[in-house]
Amino acid sequence: MFGFSFDGHPNMINLYLPADFVGHPLRKDFPLLARRVRPWPGIVDVEPMPGVADEEGEGE
């Protein structure tokens, strides 16, 4: 886990990670899910309704 190599240890297995895990989670360059930029859930792209923009320009 910390780069130690134990010579002659009978059971060298991954204690905290699954066998198919790829990467080194203790390195600073490992991407954490909590630090990934996600879109804000409250922002919605709203398009104007067809015809509403035309009617606003006619009133002036």
N, C-alpha and C. Protein backbone atom coordinates (compact mmCIF):
# COMPACT_ATOMS: atom_id res chain seq x y z
N MET A 1 0.82 -1.19 0.00
CA MET A 1 0.00 0.00 0.00
C MET A 1 0.87 1.26 0.00
N PHE A 2 1.97 1.23 0.72
CA PHE A 2 2.83 2.41 0.79
C PHE A 2 4.16 2.18 0.09
N GLY A 3 4.26 1.16 -0.75
CA GLY A 3 5.49 0.91 -1.46
C GLY A 3 6.44 -0.02 -0.73
N PHE A 4 5.99 -0.66 0.33
CA PHE A 4 6.83 -1.61 1.05
C PHE A 4 6.78 -2.95 0.35
N SER A 5 7.90 -3.60 0.29
CA SER A 5 7.98 -4.94 -0.27
C SER A 5 8.47 -5.87 0.83
N PHE A 6 7.66 -6.84 1.17
CA PHE A 6 8.00 -7.78 2.23
C PHE A 6 8.48 -9.08 1.60
N ASP A 7 9.73 -9.39 1.77
CA ASP A 7 10.30 -10.61 1.20
C ASP A 7 9.84 -11.82 1.99
N GLY A 8 9.38 -12.83 1.27
CA GLY A 8 8.99 -14.08 1.90
C GLY A 8 7.63 -14.07 2.57
N HIS A 9 6.82 -13.04 2.35
CA HIS A 9 5.49 -13.00 2.96
C HIS A 9 4.59 -14.01 2.23
N PRO A 10 3.88 -14.89 2.97
CA PRO A 10 3.10 -15.95 2.32
C PRO A 10 1.80 -15.47 1.68
N ASN A 11 1.30 -14.29 2.02
CA ASN A 11 -0.02 -13.89 1.52
C ASN A 11 0.00 -12.43 1.08
N MET A 12 0.64 -12.15 -0.07
CA MET A 12 0.71 -10.78 -0.59
C MET A 12 -0.53 -10.53 -1.46
N ILE A 13 -1.58 -9.97 -0.86
CA ILE A 13 -2.81 -9.66 -1.59
C ILE A 13 -3.17 -8.20 -1.38
N ASN A 14 -4.07 -7.69 -2.22
CA ASN A 14 -4.57 -6.33 -2.04
C ASN A 14 -5.55 -6.33 -0.87
N LEU A 15 -5.24 -5.58 0.16
CA LEU A 15 -6.09 -5.59 1.34
C LEU A 15 -7.32 -4.70 1.19
N TYR A 16 -7.16 -3.54 0.55
CA TYR A 16 -8.24 -2.57 0.51
C TYR A 16 -8.82 -2.34 -0.88
N LEU A 17 -8.18 -2.83 -1.91
CA LEU A 17 -8.60 -2.57 -3.27
C LEU A 17 -9.03 -3.87 -3.95
N PRO A 18 -9.98 -3.78 -4.87
CA PRO A 18 -10.35 -4.98 -5.63
C PRO A 18 -9.20 -5.40 -6.54
N ALA A 19 -9.20 -6.65 -6.94
CA ALA A 19 -8.11 -7.19 -7.75
C ALA A 19 -8.02 -6.52 -9.11
N ASP A 20 -9.13 -6.04 -9.67
CA ASP A 20 -9.12 -5.43 -11.00
C ASP A 20 -8.95 -3.91 -10.95
N PHE A 21 -8.62 -3.34 -9.80
CA PHE A 21 -8.44 -1.90 -9.66
C PHE A 21 -7.20 -1.46 -10.41
N VAL A 22 -7.32 -0.37 -11.18
CA VAL A 22 -6.20 0.16 -11.95
C VAL A 22 -5.83 1.52 -11.40
N GLY A 23 -4.56 1.72 -11.11
CA GLY A 23 -4.11 3.02 -10.64
C GLY A 23 -3.51 2.94 -9.25
N HIS A 24 -3.08 4.11 -8.76
CA HIS A 24 -2.48 4.23 -7.44
C HIS A 24 -3.25 5.31 -6.69
N PRO A 25 -4.23 4.97 -5.86
CA PRO A 25 -5.10 5.96 -5.24
C PRO A 25 -4.43 6.87 -4.22
N LEU A 26 -3.24 6.56 -3.77
CA LEU A 26 -2.58 7.42 -2.79
C LEU A 26 -1.68 8.47 -3.44
N ARG A 27 -1.55 8.41 -4.76
CA ARG A 27 -0.74 9.42 -5.44
C ARG A 27 -1.55 10.69 -5.63
N LYS A 28 -0.86 11.82 -5.67
CA LYS A 28 -1.54 13.10 -5.81
C LYS A 28 -2.17 13.29 -7.18
N ASP A 29 -1.65 12.62 -8.19
CA ASP A 29 -2.20 12.79 -9.54
C ASP A 29 -3.36 11.84 -9.83
N PHE A 30 -3.80 11.05 -8.85
CA PHE A 30 -4.94 10.15 -9.04
C PHE A 30 -6.23 10.96 -8.97
N PRO A 31 -7.11 10.86 -9.99
CA PRO A 31 -8.35 11.66 -9.98
C PRO A 31 -9.35 11.13 -8.96
N LEU A 32 -9.77 11.98 -8.06
CA LEU A 32 -10.77 11.61 -7.06
C LEU A 32 -12.16 11.96 -7.57
N LEU A 33 -13.14 11.12 -7.32
CA LEU A 33 -14.50 11.40 -7.77
C LEU A 33 -15.08 12.64 -7.10
N ALA A 34 -14.68 12.89 -5.86
CA ALA A 34 -15.22 14.04 -5.14
C ALA A 34 -14.70 15.36 -5.70
N ARG A 35 -13.54 15.33 -6.36
CA ARG A 35 -12.96 16.56 -6.89
C ARG A 35 -13.29 16.79 -8.36
N ARG A 36 -13.98 15.85 -8.99
CA ARG A 36 -14.34 16.00 -10.40
C ARG A 36 -15.40 17.10 -10.53
N VAL A 37 -15.26 17.93 -11.54
CA VAL A 37 -16.20 19.02 -11.75
C VAL A 37 -17.46 18.45 -12.39
N ARG A 38 -18.57 18.68 -11.72
CA ARG A 38 -19.87 18.22 -12.22
C ARG A 38 -20.75 19.42 -12.49
N PRO A 39 -21.65 19.32 -13.44
CA PRO A 39 -22.54 20.46 -13.70
C PRO A 39 -23.46 20.71 -12.51
N TRP A 40 -23.76 21.97 -12.29
CA TRP A 40 -24.64 22.35 -11.20
C TRP A 40 -26.05 21.86 -11.52
N PRO A 41 -26.71 21.15 -10.59
CA PRO A 41 -28.02 20.56 -10.91
C PRO A 41 -29.14 21.59 -11.06
N GLY A 42 -28.96 22.82 -10.57
CA GLY A 42 -30.03 23.80 -10.64
C GLY A 42 -30.05 24.61 -11.92
N ILE A 43 -28.97 24.54 -12.71
CA ILE A 43 -28.91 25.34 -13.93
C ILE A 43 -29.52 24.55 -15.08
N VAL A 44 -30.46 25.17 -15.77
CA VAL A 44 -31.11 24.54 -16.91
C VAL A 44 -31.04 25.52 -18.08
N ASP A 45 -30.63 25.03 -19.23
CA ASP A 45 -30.63 25.87 -20.43
C ASP A 45 -32.06 25.99 -20.92
N VAL A 46 -32.57 27.21 -20.90
CA VAL A 46 -33.96 27.45 -21.30
C VAL A 46 -33.96 28.17 -22.64
N GLU A 47 -34.66 27.60 -23.59
CA GLU A 47 -34.80 28.25 -24.89
C GLU A 47 -36.12 29.00 -24.90
N PRO A 48 -36.15 30.19 -25.53
CA PRO A 48 -37.41 30.92 -25.59
C PRO A 48 -38.45 30.15 -26.40
N MET A 49 -39.70 30.29 -25.99
CA MET A 49 -40.78 29.61 -26.69
C MET A 49 -40.98 30.26 -28.05
N PRO A 50 -41.26 29.47 -29.06
CA PRO A 50 -41.48 30.06 -30.39
C PRO A 50 -42.70 30.97 -30.37
N GLY A 51 -42.56 32.12 -30.97
CA GLY A 51 -43.66 33.07 -31.03
C GLY A 51 -43.61 34.10 -29.93
N VAL A 52 -43.00 33.83 -28.80
CA VAL A 52 -42.94 34.77 -27.69
C VAL A 52 -42.00 35.92 -28.05
N ALA A 53 -40.86 35.63 -28.64
CA ALA A 53 -39.91 36.68 -29.02
C ALA A 53 -40.50 37.56 -30.11
N ASP A 54 -41.29 36.99 -31.01
CA ASP A 54 -41.90 37.77 -32.09
C ASP A 54 -42.95 38.73 -31.53
N GLU A 55 -43.73 38.29 -30.56
CA GLU A 55 -44.79 39.11 -29.99
C GLU A 55 -44.24 40.27 -29.18
N GLU A 56 -43.09 40.06 -28.51
CA GLU A 56 -42.50 41.13 -27.71
C GLU A 56 -42.02 42.28 -28.59
N GLY A 57 -41.50 41.99 -29.76
CA GLY A 57 -41.01 43.03 -30.66
C GLY A 57 -42.13 43.80 -31.32
N GLU A 58 -43.32 43.24 -31.46
CA GLU A 58 -44.43 43.90 -32.14
C GLU A 58 -45.10 44.95 -31.27
N GLY A 59 -44.98 44.88 -29.97
CA GLY A 59 -45.68 45.79 -29.08
C GLY A 59 -45.07 47.18 -29.03
N GLU A 60 -43.89 47.38 -29.50
CA GLU A 60 -43.24 48.69 -29.39
C GLU A 60 -43.58 49.61 -30.51
